[in-house]
Amino acid sequence: MRRISDTMDEKFLELPVDGRVDTCPQCGYTTGFHVSFLKQPSFVKSIVICPECHTRFDANWILASESRGWQ
């Protein structure tokens, strides 16, 4: 698992998305993830967090920010 981001003192690991994503590759927890949003200047990045080991993952899910009031 490689670290791909050090934004705002937070470390995110890459989460490969291939089909269903409900198991933490770090600890093996199998009941899904919490989701957090990190605002960037022109978009919102979705970060998933394992509720068991609290590892933060970047699945590279990007949300448009202007049309949803995230300005």
N, C-alpha and C. Protein backbone atom coordinates (compact mmCIF):
# COMPACT_ATOMS: atom_id res chain seq x y z
N MET A 1 0.87 -1.16 0.00
CA MET A 1 0.00 0.00 0.00
C MET A 1 0.91 1.22 0.00
N ARG A 2 0.78 2.08 -0.97
CA ARG A 2 1.66 3.25 -1.00
C ARG A 2 0.92 4.50 -0.56
N ARG A 3 1.67 5.37 0.09
CA ARG A 3 1.11 6.65 0.52
C ARG A 3 1.06 7.56 -0.69
N ILE A 4 -0.09 8.21 -0.91
CA ILE A 4 -0.20 9.06 -2.09
C ILE A 4 -0.47 10.51 -1.78
N SER A 5 -0.71 10.85 -0.54
CA SER A 5 -1.02 12.25 -0.25
C SER A 5 -0.63 12.60 1.17
N ASP A 6 -0.10 13.78 1.35
CA ASP A 6 0.19 14.33 2.67
C ASP A 6 -0.46 15.70 2.76
N THR A 7 -1.76 15.75 2.59
CA THR A 7 -2.49 17.02 2.58
C THR A 7 -2.89 17.41 3.99
N MET A 8 -2.58 18.63 4.38
CA MET A 8 -3.00 19.18 5.66
C MET A 8 -2.63 18.25 6.82
N ASP A 9 -1.40 17.74 6.82
CA ASP A 9 -0.88 16.86 7.87
C ASP A 9 -1.63 15.54 7.98
N GLU A 10 -2.41 15.19 7.00
CA GLU A 10 -3.08 13.90 6.99
C GLU A 10 -2.42 13.01 5.96
N LYS A 11 -2.33 11.74 6.26
CA LYS A 11 -1.72 10.80 5.34
C LYS A 11 -2.81 9.88 4.79
N PHE A 12 -2.83 9.74 3.48
CA PHE A 12 -3.82 8.89 2.82
C PHE A 12 -3.09 7.79 2.06
N LEU A 13 -3.62 6.59 2.13
CA LEU A 13 -3.11 5.49 1.33
C LEU A 13 -3.99 5.32 0.11
N GLU A 14 -3.42 4.79 -0.93
CA GLU A 14 -4.19 4.52 -2.14
C GLU A 14 -5.11 3.33 -1.89
N LEU A 15 -6.36 3.46 -2.31
CA LEU A 15 -7.32 2.37 -2.21
C LEU A 15 -7.72 1.97 -3.62
N PRO A 16 -7.21 0.84 -4.10
CA PRO A 16 -7.59 0.40 -5.44
C PRO A 16 -9.08 0.07 -5.48
N VAL A 17 -9.76 0.60 -6.47
CA VAL A 17 -11.19 0.34 -6.62
C VAL A 17 -11.37 -0.60 -7.81
N ASP A 18 -11.71 -1.83 -7.48
CA ASP A 18 -11.91 -2.84 -8.51
C ASP A 18 -13.13 -3.66 -8.10
N GLY A 19 -14.28 -3.26 -8.64
CA GLY A 19 -15.51 -3.94 -8.23
C GLY A 19 -16.00 -3.40 -6.90
N ARG A 20 -16.36 -4.26 -6.00
CA ARG A 20 -16.91 -3.89 -4.70
C ARG A 20 -15.78 -3.49 -3.74
N VAL A 21 -16.00 -2.39 -3.02
CA VAL A 21 -15.00 -1.90 -2.06
C VAL A 21 -15.65 -1.87 -0.68
N ASP A 22 -15.43 -2.91 0.11
CA ASP A 22 -15.99 -2.93 1.46
C ASP A 22 -15.05 -3.54 2.48
N THR A 23 -13.84 -3.92 2.07
CA THR A 23 -12.87 -4.53 2.97
C THR A 23 -11.62 -3.68 3.06
N CYS A 24 -11.18 -3.39 4.27
CA CYS A 24 -9.98 -2.60 4.50
C CYS A 24 -8.74 -3.44 4.18
N PRO A 25 -7.89 -2.98 3.26
CA PRO A 25 -6.69 -3.74 2.94
C PRO A 25 -5.64 -3.70 4.06
N GLN A 26 -5.79 -2.80 5.03
CA GLN A 26 -4.83 -2.72 6.13
C GLN A 26 -5.14 -3.72 7.24
N CYS A 27 -6.41 -3.78 7.67
CA CYS A 27 -6.74 -4.61 8.83
C CYS A 27 -7.73 -5.75 8.52
N GLY A 28 -8.34 -5.73 7.33
CA GLY A 28 -9.26 -6.79 6.97
C GLY A 28 -10.70 -6.59 7.39
N TYR A 29 -11.01 -5.44 8.00
CA TYR A 29 -12.40 -5.12 8.40
C TYR A 29 -13.29 -5.23 7.17
N THR A 30 -14.45 -5.88 7.31
CA THR A 30 -15.25 -6.22 6.12
C THR A 30 -16.62 -5.56 6.04
N THR A 31 -16.89 -4.55 6.85
CA THR A 31 -18.23 -3.98 6.84
C THR A 31 -18.26 -2.56 6.28
N GLY A 32 -17.34 -2.22 5.40
CA GLY A 32 -17.38 -0.93 4.73
C GLY A 32 -16.57 0.16 5.41
N PHE A 33 -16.75 1.38 4.91
CA PHE A 33 -15.94 2.53 5.32
C PHE A 33 -16.82 3.72 5.69
N HIS A 34 -16.26 4.62 6.47
CA HIS A 34 -16.84 5.95 6.65
C HIS A 34 -16.33 6.80 5.50
N VAL A 35 -17.04 7.88 5.18
CA VAL A 35 -16.61 8.77 4.09
C VAL A 35 -16.43 10.17 4.66
N SER A 36 -15.35 10.83 4.23
CA SER A 36 -15.06 12.20 4.62
C SER A 36 -14.79 12.99 3.34
N PHE A 37 -14.97 14.29 3.42
CA PHE A 37 -14.76 15.13 2.25
C PHE A 37 -13.69 16.17 2.55
N LEU A 38 -12.77 16.34 1.62
CA LEU A 38 -11.66 17.27 1.76
C LEU A 38 -11.75 18.31 0.65
N LYS A 39 -12.05 19.54 1.01
CA LYS A 39 -12.22 20.59 0.01
C LYS A 39 -10.87 21.04 -0.54
N GLN A 40 -10.78 21.06 -1.84
CA GLN A 40 -9.63 21.57 -2.58
C GLN A 40 -10.09 22.83 -3.30
N PRO A 41 -9.18 23.62 -3.89
CA PRO A 41 -9.61 24.86 -4.55
C PRO A 41 -10.68 24.71 -5.63
N SER A 42 -10.63 23.64 -6.43
CA SER A 42 -11.58 23.53 -7.53
C SER A 42 -12.42 22.26 -7.51
N PHE A 43 -12.28 21.46 -6.49
CA PHE A 43 -13.05 20.22 -6.39
C PHE A 43 -13.09 19.76 -4.94
N VAL A 44 -13.85 18.72 -4.70
CA VAL A 44 -13.92 18.10 -3.38
C VAL A 44 -13.46 16.66 -3.52
N LYS A 45 -12.51 16.27 -2.70
CA LYS A 45 -11.97 14.91 -2.74
C LYS A 45 -12.69 14.08 -1.67
N SER A 46 -13.07 12.88 -2.03
CA SER A 46 -13.71 11.97 -1.10
C SER A 46 -12.65 11.05 -0.51
N ILE A 47 -12.58 11.01 0.81
CA ILE A 47 -11.64 10.16 1.52
C ILE A 47 -12.44 9.10 2.27
N VAL A 48 -12.02 7.85 2.19
CA VAL A 48 -12.70 6.80 2.94
C VAL A 48 -11.84 6.42 4.14
N ILE A 49 -12.50 6.15 5.27
CA ILE A 49 -11.82 5.87 6.53
C ILE A 49 -12.32 4.55 7.08
N CYS A 50 -11.39 3.68 7.42
CA CYS A 50 -11.77 2.41 8.03
C CYS A 50 -12.22 2.65 9.46
N PRO A 51 -13.43 2.22 9.84
CA PRO A 51 -13.90 2.44 11.20
C PRO A 51 -13.17 1.59 12.24
N GLU A 52 -12.47 0.57 11.82
CA GLU A 52 -11.76 -0.32 12.75
C GLU A 52 -10.34 0.18 13.05
N CYS A 53 -9.53 0.38 12.01
CA CYS A 53 -8.13 0.77 12.23
C CYS A 53 -7.88 2.26 11.98
N HIS A 54 -8.90 2.97 11.47
CA HIS A 54 -8.86 4.42 11.24
C HIS A 54 -7.89 4.85 10.14
N THR A 55 -7.45 3.92 9.32
CA THR A 55 -6.60 4.27 8.18
C THR A 55 -7.42 5.06 7.18
N ARG A 56 -6.84 6.12 6.65
CA ARG A 56 -7.51 6.96 5.65
C ARG A 56 -6.99 6.58 4.26
N PHE A 57 -7.96 6.44 3.34
CA PHE A 57 -7.62 6.03 1.98
C PHE A 57 -8.14 7.05 0.98
N ASP A 58 -7.38 7.22 -0.08
CA ASP A 58 -7.81 8.04 -1.22
C ASP A 58 -8.14 7.08 -2.35
N ALA A 59 -9.42 7.01 -2.69
CA ALA A 59 -9.85 6.14 -3.79
C ALA A 59 -9.90 6.90 -5.10
N ASN A 60 -9.43 8.15 -5.08
CA ASN A 60 -9.42 9.02 -6.25
C ASN A 60 -10.83 9.31 -6.75
N TRP A 61 -11.75 9.50 -5.81
CA TRP A 61 -13.12 9.91 -6.14
C TRP A 61 -13.18 11.41 -6.00
N ILE A 62 -13.43 12.11 -7.09
CA ILE A 62 -13.44 13.57 -7.11
C ILE A 62 -14.87 14.05 -7.34
N LEU A 63 -15.31 15.02 -6.56
CA LEU A 63 -16.64 15.61 -6.71
C LEU A 63 -16.48 17.05 -7.18
N ALA A 64 -17.33 17.47 -8.09
CA ALA A 64 -17.32 18.87 -8.51
C ALA A 64 -17.82 19.71 -7.35
N SER A 65 -17.23 20.88 -7.15
CA SER A 65 -17.59 21.67 -5.97
C SER A 65 -18.51 22.85 -6.25
N GLU A 66 -18.40 23.50 -7.36
CA GLU A 66 -19.16 24.73 -7.61
C GLU A 66 -20.65 24.50 -7.72
N SER A 67 -21.07 23.43 -8.35
CA SER A 67 -22.50 23.20 -8.57
C SER A 67 -23.22 22.72 -7.31
N ARG A 68 -22.50 22.35 -6.27
CA ARG A 68 -23.10 21.80 -5.06
C ARG A 68 -22.97 22.72 -3.85
N GLY A 69 -22.53 23.96 -4.06
CA GLY A 69 -22.47 24.89 -2.95
C GLY A 69 -21.29 24.72 -2.02
N TRP A 70 -20.20 24.12 -2.48
CA TRP A 70 -19.02 23.91 -1.65
C TRP A 70 -18.03 25.06 -1.75
N GLN A 71 -18.42 26.15 -2.29
CA GLN A 71 -17.50 27.26 -2.57
C GLN A 71 -16.92 27.86 -1.33
